[in-house]
Amino acid sequence: MNIGIIINSHSGNTTSVAQRLKEKLSSAGHTVEIEEIIPAGDIVPRKNNIALKTRPELDKYEALIFGAPVNAFALSSAMATFLTELSSLGNKKAACFVTKALPFRWTGGNKAIATMKKLCESKGAAILDTEIINWGNKSRREILIAEMVNRFIGLFN
């Protein structure tokens, strides 16, 4: 299956999770590409409709994984803008994850993943799974990433 991992990353944490997903999905026989959504200027937390420097084309993918950081207790502005401006996701299978620094899911993680899921579903995607990766506790983080990667691999077989 041809899978696109579409990310926005500020600190590199979301990118590192995407790379682990790509490695495991590729090992499972999938064709996987990571594409990044990059804002055209400064990032303004909680501001939608920001200018984007890059806009990945999604038609070439059979399935999608979206990943972004939590920024100011919400989904990153770049990802929110990108998903809002999409015309359609054409009933593609999809999964979503967010990365965050603060320890509790209620400190933005729940809201960010719910927003991402809602935006994807409003564009026609079938969301198969989601995850919130907390970056603060390294041992717990590694467990969460490994569990998510294993679950996400099973979604696209």
C-alpha atoms as a PDB file:
ATOM      1  CA  MET A   1       0.000   0.000   0.000  1.00  0.00           C
ATOM      2  CA  ASN A   2       1.215   3.511  -0.781  1.00  0.00           C
ATOM      3  CA  ILE A   3       1.060   5.483   2.494  1.00  0.00           C
ATOM      4  CA  GLY A   4       1.720   9.189   3.017  1.00  0.00           C
ATOM      5  CA  ILE A   5       2.811  10.403   6.439  1.00  0.00           C
ATOM      6  CA  ILE A   6       1.878  14.080   6.454  1.00  0.00           C
ATOM      7  CA  ILE A   7       3.406  16.032   9.322  1.00  0.00           C
ATOM      8  CA  ASN A   8       4.021  19.426  10.794  1.00  0.00           C
ATOM      9  CA  SER A   9       6.888  19.493  13.278  1.00  0.00           C
ATOM     10  CA  HIS A  10       8.312  22.360  15.330  1.00  0.00           C
ATOM     11  CA  SER A  11      10.982  20.712  17.477  1.00  0.00           C
ATOM     12  CA  GLY A  12      11.611  17.507  15.535  1.00  0.00           C
ATOM     13  CA  ASN A  13       9.630  15.262  17.895  1.00  0.00           C
ATOM     14  CA  THR A  14       6.800  14.681  15.428  1.00  0.00           C
ATOM     15  CA  THR A  15       9.365  14.041  12.680  1.00  0.00           C
ATOM     16  CA  SER A  16      11.128  11.392  14.778  1.00  0.00           C
ATOM     17  CA  VAL A  17       7.833   9.537  15.350  1.00  0.00           C
ATOM     18  CA  ALA A  18       7.044   9.761  11.619  1.00  0.00           C
ATOM     19  CA  GLN A  19      10.457   8.297  10.773  1.00  0.00           C
ATOM     20  CA  ARG A  20       9.856   5.319  13.077  1.00  0.00           C
ATOM     21  CA  LEU A  21       6.475   4.766  11.468  1.00  0.00           C
ATOM     22  CA  LYS A  22       8.028   4.939   8.009  1.00  0.00           C
ATOM     23  CA  GLU A  23      10.738   2.394   8.900  1.00  0.00           C
ATOM     24  CA  LYS A  24       8.270  -0.139  10.304  1.00  0.00           C
ATOM     25  CA  LEU A  25       5.649   0.336   7.582  1.00  0.00           C
ATOM     26  CA  SER A  26       8.354   0.015   4.897  1.00  0.00           C
ATOM     27  CA  SER A  27       9.628  -3.172   6.574  1.00  0.00           C
ATOM     28  CA  ALA A  28       6.060  -4.497   6.400  1.00  0.00           C
ATOM     29  CA  GLY A  29       6.118  -4.056   2.602  1.00  0.00           C
ATOM     30  CA  HIS A  30       4.441  -0.668   2.192  1.00  0.00           C
ATOM     31  CA  THR A  31       5.684   2.234   0.100  1.00  0.00           C
ATOM     32  CA  VAL A  32       5.908   5.166   2.514  1.00  0.00           C
ATOM     33  CA  GLU A  33       6.775   8.825   2.083  1.00  0.00           C
ATOM     34  CA  ILE A  34       6.995  11.544   4.735  1.00  0.00           C
ATOM     35  CA  GLU A  35       5.888  14.995   3.606  1.00  0.00           C
ATOM     36  CA  GLU A  36       6.028  18.077   5.798  1.00  0.00           C
ATOM     37  CA  ILE A  37       3.626  20.994   6.021  1.00  0.00           C
ATOM     38  CA  ILE A  38       5.764  24.093   6.513  1.00  0.00           C
ATOM     39  CA  PRO A  39       4.322  27.510   7.397  1.00  0.00           C
ATOM     40  CA  ALA A  40       5.384  30.455   5.228  1.00  0.00           C
ATOM     41  CA  GLY A  41       6.129  32.729   8.166  1.00  0.00           C
ATOM     42  CA  ASP A  42       6.144  32.851  11.920  1.00  0.00           C
ATOM     43  CA  ILE A  43       3.907  30.395  13.707  1.00  0.00           C
ATOM     44  CA  VAL A  44       1.063  31.986  15.614  1.00  0.00           C
ATOM     45  CA  PRO A  45      -0.512  29.562  18.095  1.00  0.00           C
ATOM     46  CA  ARG A  46      -4.251  29.003  17.697  1.00  0.00           C
ATOM     47  CA  LYS A  47      -4.390  31.091  14.526  1.00  0.00           C
ATOM     48  CA  ASN A  48      -5.976  29.305  11.594  1.00  0.00           C
ATOM     49  CA  ASN A  49      -5.684  30.225   7.940  1.00  0.00           C
ATOM     50  CA  ILE A  50      -1.975  30.935   8.099  1.00  0.00           C
ATOM     51  CA  ALA A  51       0.081  30.982   4.911  1.00  0.00           C
ATOM     52  CA  LEU A  52       1.759  27.683   4.085  1.00  0.00           C
ATOM     53  CA  LYS A  53       5.038  27.256   2.200  1.00  0.00           C
ATOM     54  CA  THR A  54       4.349  23.588   1.424  1.00  0.00           C
ATOM     55  CA  ARG A  55       1.117  21.728   0.731  1.00  0.00           C
ATOM     56  CA  PRO A  56       1.583  18.009   0.118  1.00  0.00           C
ATOM     57  CA  GLU A  57      -0.475  16.471  -2.687  1.00  0.00           C
ATOM     58  CA  LEU A  58      -2.445  13.588  -1.210  1.00  0.00           C
ATOM     59  CA  ASP A  59      -4.065  12.007  -4.282  1.00  0.00           C
ATOM     60  CA  LYS A  60      -1.097   9.683  -4.871  1.00  0.00           C
ATOM     61  CA  TYR A  61      -1.565   7.933  -1.518  1.00  0.00           C
ATOM     62  CA  GLU A  62      -3.937   5.070  -0.749  1.00  0.00           C
ATOM     63  CA  ALA A  63      -3.769   5.765   2.998  1.00  0.00           C
ATOM     64  CA  LEU A  64      -2.611   8.642   5.177  1.00  0.00           C
ATOM     65  CA  ILE A  65      -1.138   9.239   8.600  1.00  0.00           C
ATOM     66  CA  PHE A  66      -1.267  12.785   9.941  1.00  0.00           C
ATOM     67  CA  GLY A  67       1.066  13.939  12.717  1.00  0.00           C
ATOM     68  CA  ALA A  68       1.502  17.303  14.409  1.00  0.00           C
ATOM     69  CA  PRO A  69       2.498  18.881  17.698  1.00  0.00           C
ATOM     70  CA  VAL A  70       0.189  20.338  20.283  1.00  0.00           C
ATOM     71  CA  ASN A  71       0.808  24.071  20.302  1.00  0.00           C
ATOM     72  CA  ALA A  72      -0.687  26.340  22.987  1.00  0.00           C
ATOM     73  CA  PHE A  73      -3.104  23.563  24.074  1.00  0.00           C
ATOM     74  CA  ALA A  74      -4.405  23.087  20.504  1.00  0.00           C
ATOM     75  CA  LEU A  75      -3.528  21.455  17.187  1.00  0.00           C
ATOM     76  CA  SER A  76      -0.643  23.212  15.443  1.00  0.00           C
ATOM     77  CA  SER A  77      -1.827  26.121  13.288  1.00  0.00           C
ATOM     78  CA  ALA A  78      -0.087  24.765  10.179  1.00  0.00           C
ATOM     79  CA  MET A  79      -1.833  21.365  10.382  1.00  0.00           C
ATOM     80  CA  ALA A  80      -5.191  22.945  11.230  1.00  0.00           C
ATOM     81  CA  THR A  81      -4.897  25.270   8.221  1.00  0.00           C
ATOM     82  CA  PHE A  82      -3.810  22.480   5.876  1.00  0.00           C
ATOM     83  CA  LEU A  83      -6.668  20.162   6.877  1.00  0.00           C
ATOM     84  CA  THR A  84      -9.237  22.972   6.816  1.00  0.00           C
ATOM     85  CA  GLU A  85      -8.241  24.009   3.298  1.00  0.00           C
ATOM     86  CA  LEU A  86      -8.309  20.495   1.809  1.00  0.00           C
ATOM     87  CA  SER A  87     -11.192  19.923  -0.559  1.00  0.00           C
ATOM     88  CA  SER A  88     -11.453  16.179   0.090  1.00  0.00           C
ATOM     89  CA  LEU A  89      -9.644  13.163   1.444  1.00  0.00           C
ATOM     90  CA  GLY A  90     -11.721  10.913  -0.787  1.00  0.00           C
ATOM     91  CA  ASN A  91     -12.702   8.176   1.692  1.00  0.00           C
ATOM     92  CA  LYS A  92      -9.052   7.282   2.363  1.00  0.00           C
ATOM     93  CA  LYS A  93      -8.069   5.237   5.382  1.00  0.00           C
ATOM     94  CA  ALA A  94      -6.227   7.460   7.844  1.00  0.00           C
ATOM     95  CA  ALA A  95      -4.693   7.596  11.298  1.00  0.00           C
ATOM     96  CA  CYS A  96      -3.610  10.589  13.375  1.00  0.00           C
ATOM     97  CA  PHE A  97      -1.133  11.330  16.141  1.00  0.00           C
ATOM     98  CA  VAL A  98       0.004  14.368  18.084  1.00  0.00           C
ATOM     99  CA  THR A  99       3.127  14.968  20.143  1.00  0.00           C
ATOM    100  CA  LYS A 100       3.157  17.151  23.231  1.00  0.00           C
ATOM    101  CA  ALA A 101       5.429  18.221  26.051  1.00  0.00           C
ATOM    102  CA  LEU A 102       3.044  18.616  28.987  1.00  0.00           C
ATOM    103  CA  PRO A 103       2.324  15.413  30.923  1.00  0.00           C
ATOM    104  CA  PHE A 104      -1.453  15.146  30.922  1.00  0.00           C
ATOM    105  CA  ARG A 105      -3.706  14.415  27.938  1.00  0.00           C
ATOM    106  CA  TRP A 106      -6.066  17.197  29.039  1.00  0.00           C
ATOM    107  CA  THR A 107      -3.284  19.785  28.559  1.00  0.00           C
ATOM    108  CA  GLY A 108      -4.072  20.078  24.870  1.00  0.00           C
ATOM    109  CA  GLY A 109      -3.615  16.513  23.659  1.00  0.00           C
ATOM    110  CA  ASN A 110      -7.276  15.525  23.781  1.00  0.00           C
ATOM    111  CA  LYS A 111      -8.364  18.751  22.092  1.00  0.00           C
ATOM    112  CA  ALA A 112      -5.684  18.588  19.385  1.00  0.00           C
ATOM    113  CA  ILE A 113      -6.352  14.971  18.420  1.00  0.00           C
ATOM    114  CA  ALA A 114     -10.132  15.563  18.449  1.00  0.00           C
ATOM    115  CA  THR A 115      -9.694  18.572  16.155  1.00  0.00           C
ATOM    116  CA  MET A 116      -7.454  16.625  13.782  1.00  0.00           C
ATOM    117  CA  LYS A 117      -9.865  13.692  13.682  1.00  0.00           C
ATOM    118  CA  LYS A 118     -12.903  15.935  13.131  1.00  0.00           C
ATOM    119  CA  LEU A 119     -11.208  17.853  10.293  1.00  0.00           C
ATOM    120  CA  CYS A 120     -10.138  14.615   8.558  1.00  0.00           C
ATOM    121  CA  GLU A 121     -13.592  13.071   8.888  1.00  0.00           C
ATOM    122  CA  SER A 122     -15.221  16.255   7.584  1.00  0.00           C
ATOM    123  CA  LYS A 123     -13.142  15.799   4.414  1.00  0.00           C
ATOM    124  CA  GLY A 124     -14.254  12.178   3.982  1.00  0.00           C
ATOM    125  CA  ALA A 125     -11.418  10.215   5.632  1.00  0.00           C
ATOM    126  CA  ALA A 126     -12.103   7.085   7.644  1.00  0.00           C
ATOM    127  CA  ILE A 127     -10.050   7.555  10.824  1.00  0.00           C
ATOM    128  CA  LEU A 128      -8.902   4.118  11.968  1.00  0.00           C
ATOM    129  CA  ASP A 129      -6.871   5.089  15.049  1.00  0.00           C
ATOM    130  CA  THR A 130      -5.339   8.021  16.945  1.00  0.00           C
ATOM    131  CA  GLU A 131      -2.615   8.522  19.538  1.00  0.00           C
ATOM    132  CA  ILE A 132      -1.242  11.214  21.836  1.00  0.00           C
ATOM    133  CA  ILE A 133       2.515  10.943  22.455  1.00  0.00           C
ATOM    134  CA  ASN A 134       3.745  12.720  25.573  1.00  0.00           C
ATOM    135  CA  TRP A 135       7.368  13.719  25.192  1.00  0.00           C
ATOM    136  CA  GLY A 136       8.105  14.405  28.869  1.00  0.00           C
ATOM    137  CA  ASN A 137       8.665  10.905  30.270  1.00  0.00           C
ATOM    138  CA  LYS A 138      11.240   9.150  28.047  1.00  0.00           C
ATOM    139  CA  SER A 139      10.513   5.569  29.136  1.00  0.00           C
ATOM    140  CA  ARG A 140       6.736   6.048  28.834  1.00  0.00           C
ATOM    141  CA  ARG A 141       7.202   7.898  25.523  1.00  0.00           C
ATOM    142  CA  GLU A 142       9.108   4.965  24.029  1.00  0.00           C
ATOM    143  CA  ILE A 143       6.374   2.563  25.118  1.00  0.00           C
ATOM    144  CA  LEU A 144       3.639   4.771  23.625  1.00  0.00           C
ATOM    145  CA  ILE A 145       5.511   5.158  20.334  1.00  0.00           C
ATOM    146  CA  ALA A 146       6.179   1.416  20.046  1.00  0.00           C
ATOM    147  CA  GLU A 147       2.540   0.567  20.827  1.00  0.00           C
ATOM    148  CA  MET A 148       1.268   3.149  18.340  1.00  0.00           C
ATOM    149  CA  VAL A 149       3.611   1.972  15.580  1.00  0.00           C
ATOM    150  CA  ASN A 150       2.498  -1.638  16.081  1.00  0.00           C
ATOM    151  CA  ARG A 151      -1.184  -0.672  16.018  1.00  0.00           C
ATOM    152  CA  PHE A 152      -0.798   1.588  12.971  1.00  0.00           C
ATOM    153  CA  ILE A 153       1.009  -1.155  11.002  1.00  0.00           C
ATOM    154  CA  GLY A 154      -2.002  -3.404  11.526  1.00  0.00           C
ATOM    155  CA  LEU A 155      -4.391  -0.782  10.166  1.00  0.00           C
ATOM    156  CA  PHE A 156      -3.036  -0.837   6.638  1.00  0.00           C
ATOM    157  CA  ASN A 157      -2.792  -4.564   5.884  1.00  0.00           C
END
